[in-house]
Amino acid sequence: MEGTVLSPRDLEYHQHFNTGPTPARYLAFTLGQQQRRLVGASEDNEMTNSLTVSEREGGSQIEYEDQDPRVHAMFLEALAKSGVECRMTLPR
């Protein structure tokens, strides 16, 4: 829905999708100067680094090819409802 903002709770596991016909803007920020770390992150690895590293490499980023196939099916269904063609190809 146009103008929608969704804010997950602190460190809540989530993914980002755009099912609309127009480009979406992704904005991530934290408040204040706190440097928090994810559970299991090493002392020299800041939270932002862990969030951009694949789960396969010990981070928290879910790669397209690693996401649950049911999630991708839901994404395709939402695209179809919006009349949008999927341009993303998943490796097999």
PDB file of N, CA and C in Angstrom:
ATOM      1  N   MET A   1       0.845  -1.167   0.000  1.00  0.00           N
ATOM      2  CA  MET A   1       0.000   0.000   0.000  1.00  0.00           C
ATOM      3  C   MET A   1       0.898   1.241   0.000  1.00  0.00           C
ATOM      4  N   GLU A   2       0.566   2.192  -0.813  1.00  0.00           N
ATOM      5  CA  GLU A   2       1.372   3.393  -0.940  1.00  0.00           C
ATOM      6  C   GLU A   2       1.539   4.097   0.398  1.00  0.00           C
ATOM      7  N   GLY A   3       2.765   4.481   0.683  1.00  0.00           N
ATOM      8  CA  GLY A   3       3.062   5.205   1.909  1.00  0.00           C
ATOM      9  C   GLY A   3       3.163   4.335   3.142  1.00  0.00           C
ATOM     10  N   THR A   4       3.161   3.030   2.982  1.00  0.00           N
ATOM     11  CA  THR A   4       3.217   2.123   4.124  1.00  0.00           C
ATOM     12  C   THR A   4       4.629   2.033   4.683  1.00  0.00           C
ATOM     13  N   VAL A   5       4.720   2.065   5.995  1.00  0.00           N
ATOM     14  CA  VAL A   5       5.992   1.864   6.682  1.00  0.00           C
ATOM     15  C   VAL A   5       5.798   0.734   7.680  1.00  0.00           C
ATOM     16  N   LEU A   6       6.685  -0.230   7.617  1.00  0.00           N
ATOM     17  CA  LEU A   6       6.646  -1.346   8.551  1.00  0.00           C
ATOM     18  C   LEU A   6       7.944  -1.347   9.328  1.00  0.00           C
ATOM     19  N   SER A   7       7.830  -1.371  10.625  1.00  0.00           N
ATOM     20  CA  SER A   7       9.019  -1.366  11.459  1.00  0.00           C
ATOM     21  C   SER A   7       9.034  -2.611  12.339  1.00  0.00           C
ATOM     22  N   PRO A   8       9.875  -3.594  11.986  1.00  0.00           N
ATOM     23  CA  PRO A   8       9.961  -4.792  12.840  1.00  0.00           C
ATOM     24  C   PRO A   8      10.544  -4.428  14.201  1.00  0.00           C
ATOM     25  N   ARG A   9      10.251  -5.253  15.172  1.00  0.00           N
ATOM     26  CA  ARG A   9      10.825  -5.026  16.495  1.00  0.00           C
ATOM     27  C   ARG A   9      12.331  -5.192  16.434  1.00  0.00           C
ATOM     28  N   ASP A  10      13.023  -4.715  17.422  1.00  0.00           N
ATOM     29  CA  ASP A  10      14.480  -4.777  17.493  1.00  0.00           C
ATOM     30  C   ASP A  10      14.970  -6.212  17.278  1.00  0.00           C
ATOM     31  N   LEU A  11      15.817  -6.389  16.286  1.00  0.00           N
ATOM     32  CA  LEU A  11      16.444  -7.665  15.933  1.00  0.00           C
ATOM     33  C   LEU A  11      15.457  -8.758  15.536  1.00  0.00           C
ATOM     34  N   GLU A  12      14.241  -8.376  15.152  1.00  0.00           N
ATOM     35  CA  GLU A  12      13.253  -9.357  14.710  1.00  0.00           C
ATOM     36  C   GLU A  12      13.642  -9.880  13.325  1.00  0.00           C
ATOM     37  N   TYR A  13      13.600 -11.187  13.156  1.00  0.00           N
ATOM     38  CA  TYR A  13      13.953 -11.844  11.908  1.00  0.00           C
ATOM     39  C   TYR A  13      12.911 -11.474  10.867  1.00  0.00           C
ATOM     40  N   HIS A  14      13.343 -10.939   9.700  1.00  0.00           N
ATOM     41  CA  HIS A  14      12.398 -10.510   8.680  1.00  0.00           C
ATOM     42  C   HIS A  14      13.075 -10.440   7.313  1.00  0.00           C
ATOM     43  N   GLN A  15      12.283 -10.305   6.273  1.00  0.00           N
ATOM     44  CA  GLN A  15      12.767 -10.098   4.913  1.00  0.00           C
ATOM     45  C   GLN A  15      12.031  -8.913   4.306  1.00  0.00           C
ATOM     46  N   HIS A  16      12.579  -8.384   3.218  1.00  0.00           N
ATOM     47  CA  HIS A  16      11.975  -7.247   2.535  1.00  0.00           C
ATOM     48  C   HIS A  16      11.525  -7.669   1.142  1.00  0.00           C
ATOM     49  N   PHE A  17      10.316  -7.267   0.759  1.00  0.00           N
ATOM     50  CA  PHE A  17       9.762  -7.581  -0.556  1.00  0.00           C
ATOM     51  C   PHE A  17       9.027  -6.360  -1.087  1.00  0.00           C
ATOM     52  N   ASN A  18       9.056  -6.186  -2.395  1.00  0.00           N
ATOM     53  CA  ASN A  18       8.241  -5.166  -3.045  1.00  0.00           C
ATOM     54  C   ASN A  18       7.362  -5.879  -4.055  1.00  0.00           C
ATOM     55  N   THR A  19       6.075  -5.890  -3.834  1.00  0.00           N
ATOM     56  CA  THR A  19       5.149  -6.564  -4.744  1.00  0.00           C
ATOM     57  C   THR A  19       4.364  -5.579  -5.600  1.00  0.00           C
ATOM     58  N   GLY A  20       4.710  -4.318  -5.521  1.00  0.00           N
ATOM     59  CA  GLY A  20       3.996  -3.308  -6.296  1.00  0.00           C
ATOM     60  C   GLY A  20       4.628  -3.063  -7.645  1.00  0.00           C
ATOM     61  N   PRO A  21       3.915  -2.362  -8.517  1.00  0.00           N
ATOM     62  CA  PRO A  21       4.409  -2.099  -9.866  1.00  0.00           C
ATOM     63  C   PRO A  21       5.440  -0.977  -9.941  1.00  0.00           C
ATOM     64  N   THR A  22       5.642  -0.258  -8.865  1.00  0.00           N
ATOM     65  CA  THR A  22       6.626   0.831  -8.873  1.00  0.00           C
ATOM     66  C   THR A  22       7.770   0.491  -7.919  1.00  0.00           C
ATOM     67  N   PRO A  23       8.938   1.075  -8.159  1.00  0.00           N
ATOM     68  CA  PRO A  23      10.078   0.806  -7.269  1.00  0.00           C
ATOM     69  C   PRO A  23       9.776   1.223  -5.829  1.00  0.00           C
ATOM     70  N   ALA A  24      10.354   0.500  -4.906  1.00  0.00           N
ATOM     71  CA  ALA A  24      10.206   0.835  -3.484  1.00  0.00           C
ATOM     72  C   ALA A  24      11.549   1.316  -2.953  1.00  0.00           C
ATOM     73  N   ARG A  25      11.495   2.153  -1.969  1.00  0.00           N
ATOM     74  CA  ARG A  25      12.716   2.640  -1.339  1.00  0.00           C
ATOM     75  C   ARG A  25      12.901   1.898  -0.027  1.00  0.00           C
ATOM     76  N   TYR A  26      14.097   1.413   0.192  1.00  0.00           N
ATOM     77  CA  TYR A  26      14.434   0.683   1.414  1.00  0.00           C
ATOM     78  C   TYR A  26      15.317   1.589   2.263  1.00  0.00           C
ATOM     79  N   LEU A  27      14.931   1.799   3.482  1.00  0.00           N
ATOM     80  CA  LEU A  27      15.668   2.663   4.383  1.00  0.00           C
ATOM     81  C   LEU A  27      15.828   1.951   5.714  1.00  0.00           C
ATOM     82  N   ALA A  28      17.054   1.828   6.167  1.00  0.00           N
ATOM     83  CA  ALA A  28      17.314   1.199   7.464  1.00  0.00           C
ATOM     84  C   ALA A  28      18.117   2.174   8.311  1.00  0.00           C
ATOM     85  N   PHE A  29      17.728   2.314   9.551  1.00  0.00           N
ATOM     86  CA  PHE A  29      18.463   3.199  10.439  1.00  0.00           C
ATOM     87  C   PHE A  29      18.306   2.743  11.873  1.00  0.00           C
ATOM     88  N   THR A  30      19.208   3.223  12.714  1.00  0.00           N
ATOM     89  CA  THR A  30      19.102   2.994  14.149  1.00  0.00           C
ATOM     90  C   THR A  30      19.126   4.349  14.825  1.00  0.00           C
ATOM     91  N   LEU A  31      18.575   4.420  15.983  1.00  0.00           N
ATOM     92  CA  LEU A  31      18.526   5.686  16.714  1.00  0.00           C
ATOM     93  C   LEU A  31      19.706   5.788  17.670  1.00  0.00           C
ATOM     94  N   GLY A  32      20.240   6.957  17.790  1.00  0.00           N
ATOM     95  CA  GLY A  32      21.312   7.181  18.754  1.00  0.00           C
ATOM     96  C   GLY A  32      22.645   6.624  18.294  1.00  0.00           C
ATOM     97  N   GLN A  33      23.585   6.588  19.213  1.00  0.00           N
ATOM     98  CA  GLN A  33      24.940   6.156  18.911  1.00  0.00           C
ATOM     99  C   GLN A  33      25.241   4.757  19.427  1.00  0.00           C
ATOM    100  N   GLN A  34      24.212   4.025  19.849  1.00  0.00           N
ATOM    101  CA  GLN A  34      24.450   2.695  20.397  1.00  0.00           C
ATOM    102  C   GLN A  34      25.064   1.782  19.351  1.00  0.00           C
ATOM    103  N   GLN A  35      26.050   1.030  19.756  1.00  0.00           N
ATOM    104  CA  GLN A  35      26.631  -0.003  18.903  1.00  0.00           C
ATOM    105  C   GLN A  35      26.250  -1.338  19.512  1.00  0.00           C
ATOM    106  N   ARG A  36      25.147  -1.902  19.048  1.00  0.00           N
ATOM    107  CA  ARG A  36      24.689  -3.188  19.576  1.00  0.00           C
ATOM    108  C   ARG A  36      25.168  -4.297  18.673  1.00  0.00           C
ATOM    109  N   ARG A  37      25.294  -5.477  19.226  1.00  0.00           N
ATOM    110  CA  ARG A  37      25.748  -6.613  18.446  1.00  0.00           C
ATOM    111  C   ARG A  37      24.679  -7.706  18.460  1.00  0.00           C
ATOM    112  N   LEU A  38      24.603  -8.455  17.374  1.00  0.00           N
ATOM    113  CA  LEU A  38      23.685  -9.581  17.311  1.00  0.00           C
ATOM    114  C   LEU A  38      24.180 -10.691  18.212  1.00  0.00           C
ATOM    115  N   VAL A  39      23.255 -11.475  18.720  1.00  0.00           N
ATOM    116  CA  VAL A  39      23.632 -12.629  19.516  1.00  0.00           C
ATOM    117  C   VAL A  39      24.495 -13.526  18.641  1.00  0.00           C
ATOM    118  N   GLY A  40      25.636 -13.919  19.139  1.00  0.00           N
ATOM    119  CA  GLY A  40      26.532 -14.791  18.393  1.00  0.00           C
ATOM    120  C   GLY A  40      27.529 -14.051  17.528  1.00  0.00           C
ATOM    121  N   ALA A  41      27.414 -12.729  17.414  1.00  0.00           N
ATOM    122  CA  ALA A  41      28.380 -11.979  16.615  1.00  0.00           C
ATOM    123  C   ALA A  41      29.684 -11.856  17.389  1.00  0.00           C
ATOM    124  N   SER A  42      30.787 -11.883  16.671  1.00  0.00           N
ATOM    125  CA  SER A  42      32.083 -11.773  17.342  1.00  0.00           C
ATOM    126  C   SER A  42      32.293 -10.352  17.842  1.00  0.00           C
ATOM    127  N   GLU A  43      33.237 -10.198  18.752  1.00  0.00           N
ATOM    128  CA  GLU A  43      33.494  -8.884  19.351  1.00  0.00           C
ATOM    129  C   GLU A  43      33.906  -7.851  18.301  1.00  0.00           C
ATOM    130  N   ASP A  44      34.626  -8.267  17.254  1.00  0.00           N
ATOM    131  CA  ASP A  44      35.099  -7.309  16.260  1.00  0.00           C
ATOM    132  C   ASP A  44      34.171  -7.194  15.046  1.00  0.00           C
ATOM    133  N   ASN A  45      32.990  -7.785  15.130  1.00  0.00           N
ATOM    134  CA  ASN A  45      32.040  -7.748  14.021  1.00  0.00           C
ATOM    135  C   ASN A  45      30.826  -6.929  14.431  1.00  0.00           C
ATOM    136  N   GLU A  46      30.682  -5.726  13.863  1.00  0.00           N
ATOM    137  CA  GLU A  46      29.553  -4.872  14.226  1.00  0.00           C
ATOM    138  C   GLU A  46      28.257  -5.438  13.671  1.00  0.00           C
ATOM    139  N   MET A  47      27.145  -5.054  14.288  1.00  0.00           N
ATOM    140  CA  MET A  47      25.831  -5.560  13.903  1.00  0.00           C
ATOM    141  C   MET A  47      25.571  -5.357  12.413  1.00  0.00           C
ATOM    142  N   THR A  48      25.921  -4.197  11.870  1.00  0.00           N
ATOM    143  CA  THR A  48      25.625  -3.937  10.465  1.00  0.00           C
ATOM    144  C   THR A  48      26.345  -4.919   9.560  1.00  0.00           C
ATOM    145  N   ASN A  49      27.562  -5.305   9.900  1.00  0.00           N
ATOM    146  CA  ASN A  49      28.277  -6.287   9.090  1.00  0.00           C
ATOM    147  C   ASN A  49      27.568  -7.628   9.139  1.00  0.00           C
ATOM    148  N   SER A  50      27.115  -8.036  10.318  1.00  0.00           N
ATOM    149  CA  SER A  50      26.440  -9.319  10.463  1.00  0.00           C
ATOM    150  C   SER A  50      25.144  -9.345   9.669  1.00  0.00           C
ATOM    151  N   LEU A  51      24.482  -8.211   9.546  1.00  0.00           N
ATOM    152  CA  LEU A  51      23.206  -8.150   8.834  1.00  0.00           C
ATOM    153  C   LEU A  51      23.376  -8.249   7.323  1.00  0.00           C
ATOM    154  N   THR A  52      24.565  -7.990   6.800  1.00  0.00           N
ATOM    155  CA  THR A  52      24.792  -8.044   5.363  1.00  0.00           C
ATOM    156  C   THR A  52      25.561  -9.287   4.938  1.00  0.00           C
ATOM    157  N   VAL A  53      25.876 -10.162   5.869  1.00  0.00           N
ATOM    158  CA  VAL A  53      26.600 -11.401   5.573  1.00  0.00           C
ATOM    159  C   VAL A  53      25.601 -12.549   5.503  1.00  0.00           C
ATOM    160  N   SER A  54      25.762 -13.412   4.507  1.00  0.00           N
ATOM    161  CA  SER A  54      24.877 -14.551   4.322  1.00  0.00           C
ATOM    162  C   SER A  54      24.832 -15.433   5.561  1.00  0.00           C
ATOM    163  N   GLU A  55      23.668 -16.029   5.799  1.00  0.00           N
ATOM    164  CA  GLU A  55      23.535 -16.983   6.902  1.00  0.00           C
ATOM    165  C   GLU A  55      24.548 -18.116   6.755  1.00  0.00           C
ATOM    166  N   ARG A  56      24.824 -18.500   5.523  1.00  0.00           N
ATOM    167  CA  ARG A  56      25.794 -19.577   5.269  1.00  0.00           C
ATOM    168  C   ARG A  56      27.184 -19.223   5.766  1.00  0.00           C
ATOM    169  N   GLU A  57      27.451 -17.916   5.894  1.00  0.00           N
ATOM    170  CA  GLU A  57      28.765 -17.447   6.345  1.00  0.00           C
ATOM    171  C   GLU A  57      28.710 -16.927   7.776  1.00  0.00           C
ATOM    172  N   GLY A  58      27.631 -17.244   8.492  1.00  0.00           N
ATOM    173  CA  GLY A  58      27.525 -16.849   9.890  1.00  0.00           C
ATOM    174  C   GLY A  58      26.805 -15.546  10.155  1.00  0.00           C
ATOM    175  N   GLY A  59      26.274 -14.907   9.111  1.00  0.00           N
ATOM    176  CA  GLY A  59      25.552 -13.652   9.282  1.00  0.00           C
ATOM    177  C   GLY A  59      24.054 -13.873   9.391  1.00  0.00           C
ATOM    178  N   SER A  60      23.310 -12.822   9.103  1.00  0.00           N
ATOM    179  CA  SER A  60      21.850 -12.867   9.225  1.00  0.00           C
ATOM    180  C   SER A  60      21.133 -12.615   7.915  1.00  0.00           C
ATOM    181  N   GLN A  61      21.867 -12.373   6.815  1.00  0.00           N
ATOM    182  CA  GLN A  61      21.256 -12.100   5.512  1.00  0.00           C
ATOM    183  C   GLN A  61      20.722 -13.393   4.908  1.00  0.00           C
ATOM    184  N   ILE A  62      19.453 -13.392   4.519  1.00  0.00           N
ATOM    185  CA  ILE A  62      18.852 -14.547   3.857  1.00  0.00           C
ATOM    186  C   ILE A  62      19.007 -14.350   2.352  1.00  0.00           C
ATOM    187  N   GLU A  63      19.766 -15.199   1.700  1.00  0.00           N
ATOM    188  CA  GLU A  63      19.934 -15.112   0.251  1.00  0.00           C
ATOM    189  C   GLU A  63      18.686 -15.670  -0.419  1.00  0.00           C
ATOM    190  N   TYR A  64      18.366 -15.160  -1.614  1.00  0.00           N
ATOM    191  CA  TYR A  64      17.169 -15.624  -2.321  1.00  0.00           C
ATOM    192  C   TYR A  64      17.131 -17.138  -2.440  1.00  0.00           C
ATOM    193  N   GLU A  65      18.255 -17.724  -2.827  1.00  0.00           N
ATOM    194  CA  GLU A  65      18.279 -19.169  -3.039  1.00  0.00           C
ATOM    195  C   GLU A  65      18.145 -19.968  -1.742  1.00  0.00           C
ATOM    196  N   ASP A  66      18.306 -19.308  -0.598  1.00  0.00           N
ATOM    197  CA  ASP A  66      18.213 -19.993   0.696  1.00  0.00           C
ATOM    198  C   ASP A  66      16.868 -19.792   1.388  1.00  0.00           C
ATOM    199  N   GLN A  67      16.041 -18.917   0.874  1.00  0.00           N
ATOM    200  CA  GLN A  67      14.769 -18.671   1.547  1.00  0.00           C
ATOM    201  C   GLN A  67      13.837 -19.861   1.392  1.00  0.00           C
ATOM    202  N   ASP A  68      12.928 -19.975   2.297  1.00  0.00           N
ATOM    203  CA  ASP A  68      11.941 -21.047   2.272  1.00  0.00           C
ATOM    204  C   ASP A  68      11.139 -20.951   0.965  1.00  0.00           C
ATOM    205  N   PRO A  69      11.022 -22.043   0.201  1.00  0.00           N
ATOM    206  CA  PRO A  69      10.263 -21.998  -1.055  1.00  0.00           C
ATOM    207  C   PRO A  69       8.823 -21.523  -0.869  1.00  0.00           C
ATOM    208  N   ARG A  70       8.257 -21.740   0.305  1.00  0.00           N
ATOM    209  CA  ARG A  70       6.886 -21.263   0.563  1.00  0.00           C
ATOM    210  C   ARG A  70       6.847 -19.741   0.581  1.00  0.00           C
ATOM    211  N   VAL A  71       7.925 -19.116   1.053  1.00  0.00           N
ATOM    212  CA  VAL A  71       7.987 -17.648   1.065  1.00  0.00           C
ATOM    213  C   VAL A  71       8.021 -17.131  -0.370  1.00  0.00           C
ATOM    214  N   HIS A  72       8.812 -17.773  -1.223  1.00  0.00           N
ATOM    215  CA  HIS A  72       8.884 -17.346  -2.623  1.00  0.00           C
ATOM    216  C   HIS A  72       7.529 -17.532  -3.315  1.00  0.00           C
ATOM    217  N   ALA A  73       6.837 -18.621  -3.008  1.00  0.00           N
ATOM    218  CA  ALA A  73       5.507 -18.859  -3.590  1.00  0.00           C
ATOM    219  C   ALA A  73       4.536 -17.753  -3.169  1.00  0.00           C
ATOM    220  N   MET A  74       4.595 -17.337  -1.906  1.00  0.00           N
ATOM    221  CA  MET A  74       3.738 -16.245  -1.430  1.00  0.00           C
ATOM    222  C   MET A  74       4.087 -14.940  -2.157  1.00  0.00           C
ATOM    223  N   PHE A  75       5.383 -14.720  -2.384  1.00  0.00           N
ATOM    224  CA  PHE A  75       5.845 -13.533  -3.103  1.00  0.00           C
ATOM    225  C   PHE A  75       5.277 -13.529  -4.529  1.00  0.00           C
ATOM    226  N   LEU A  76       5.366 -14.677  -5.216  1.00  0.00           N
ATOM    227  CA  LEU A  76       4.839 -14.778  -6.578  1.00  0.00           C
ATOM    228  C   LEU A  76       3.330 -14.552  -6.607  1.00  0.00           C
ATOM    229  N   GLU A  77       2.625 -15.059  -5.617  1.00  0.00           N
ATOM    230  CA  GLU A  77       1.175 -14.878  -5.539  1.00  0.00           C
ATOM    231  C   GLU A  77       0.834 -13.398  -5.361  1.00  0.00           C
ATOM    232  N   ALA A  78       1.561 -12.718  -4.499  1.00  0.00           N
ATOM    233  CA  ALA A  78       1.312 -11.292  -4.272  1.00  0.00           C
ATOM    234  C   ALA A  78       1.629 -10.483  -5.535  1.00  0.00           C
ATOM    235  N   LEU A  79       2.700 -10.858  -6.251  1.00  0.00           N
ATOM    236  CA  LEU A  79       3.017 -10.179  -7.509  1.00  0.00           C
ATOM    237  C   LEU A  79       1.882 -10.337  -8.510  1.00  0.00           C
ATOM    238  N   ALA A  80       1.370 -11.567  -8.620  1.00  0.00           N
ATOM    239  CA  ALA A  80       0.281 -11.836  -9.570  1.00  0.00           C
ATOM    240  C   ALA A  80      -0.944 -10.984  -9.254  1.00  0.00           C
ATOM    241  N   LYS A  81      -1.257 -10.823  -7.979  1.00  0.00           N
ATOM    242  CA  LYS A  81      -2.414 -10.004  -7.587  1.00  0.00           C
ATOM    243  C   LYS A  81      -2.225  -8.548  -7.991  1.00  0.00           C
ATOM    244  N   SER A  82      -0.953  -8.103  -8.010  1.00  0.00           N
ATOM    245  CA  SER A  82      -0.650  -6.718  -8.389  1.00  0.00           C
ATOM    246  C   SER A  82      -0.418  -6.584  -9.884  1.00  0.00           C
ATOM    247  N   GLY A  83      -0.449  -7.703 -10.611  1.00  0.00           N
ATOM    248  CA  GLY A  83      -0.192  -7.664 -12.042  1.00  0.00           C
ATOM    249  C   GLY A  83       1.262  -7.395 -12.379  1.00  0.00           C
ATOM    250  N   VAL A  84       2.159  -7.805 -11.497  1.00  0.00           N
ATOM    251  CA  VAL A  84       3.589  -7.550 -11.675  1.00  0.00           C
ATOM    252  C   VAL A  84       4.298  -8.859 -12.022  1.00  0.00           C
ATOM    253  N   GLU A  85       5.181  -8.786 -13.013  1.00  0.00           N
ATOM    254  CA  GLU A  85       5.957  -9.958 -13.423  1.00  0.00           C
ATOM    255  C   GLU A  85       7.209 -10.085 -12.558  1.00  0.00           C
ATOM    256  N   CYS A  86       7.529 -11.292 -12.153  1.00  0.00           N
ATOM    257  CA  CYS A  86       8.741 -11.530 -11.362  1.00  0.00           C
ATOM    258  C   CYS A  86       9.945 -11.515 -12.299  1.00  0.00           C
ATOM    259  N   ARG A  87      10.913 -10.668 -11.989  1.00  0.00           N
ATOM    260  CA  ARG A  87      12.134 -10.595 -12.790  1.00  0.00           C
ATOM    261  C   ARG A  87      13.308 -11.258 -12.091  1.00  0.00           C
ATOM    262  N   MET A  88      13.038 -11.825 -10.930  1.00  0.00           N
ATOM    263  CA  MET A  88      14.083 -12.465 -10.149  1.00  0.00           C
ATOM    264  C   MET A  88      14.152 -13.944 -10.520  1.00  0.00           C
ATOM    265  N   THR A  89      15.323 -14.421 -10.828  1.00  0.00           N
ATOM    266  CA  THR A  89      15.491 -15.843 -11.114  1.00  0.00           C
ATOM    267  C   THR A  89      16.270 -16.481  -9.979  1.00  0.00           C
ATOM    268  N   LEU A  90      15.782 -17.621  -9.529  1.00  0.00           N
ATOM    269  CA  LEU A  90      16.442 -18.336  -8.449  1.00  0.00           C
ATOM    270  C   LEU A  90      17.274 -19.463  -9.033  1.00  0.00           C
ATOM    271  N   PRO A  91      18.484 -19.656  -8.516  1.00  0.00           N
ATOM    272  CA  PRO A  91      19.273 -20.804  -8.970  1.00  0.00           C
ATOM    273  C   PRO A  91      18.588 -22.103  -8.572  1.00  0.00           C
ATOM    274  N   ARG A  92      18.733 -23.128  -9.342  1.00  0.00           N
ATOM    275  CA  ARG A  92      18.122 -24.430  -9.034  1.00  0.00           C
ATOM    276  C   ARG A  92      19.130 -25.369  -8.447  1.00  0.00           C
TER     277      ARG A  92
END
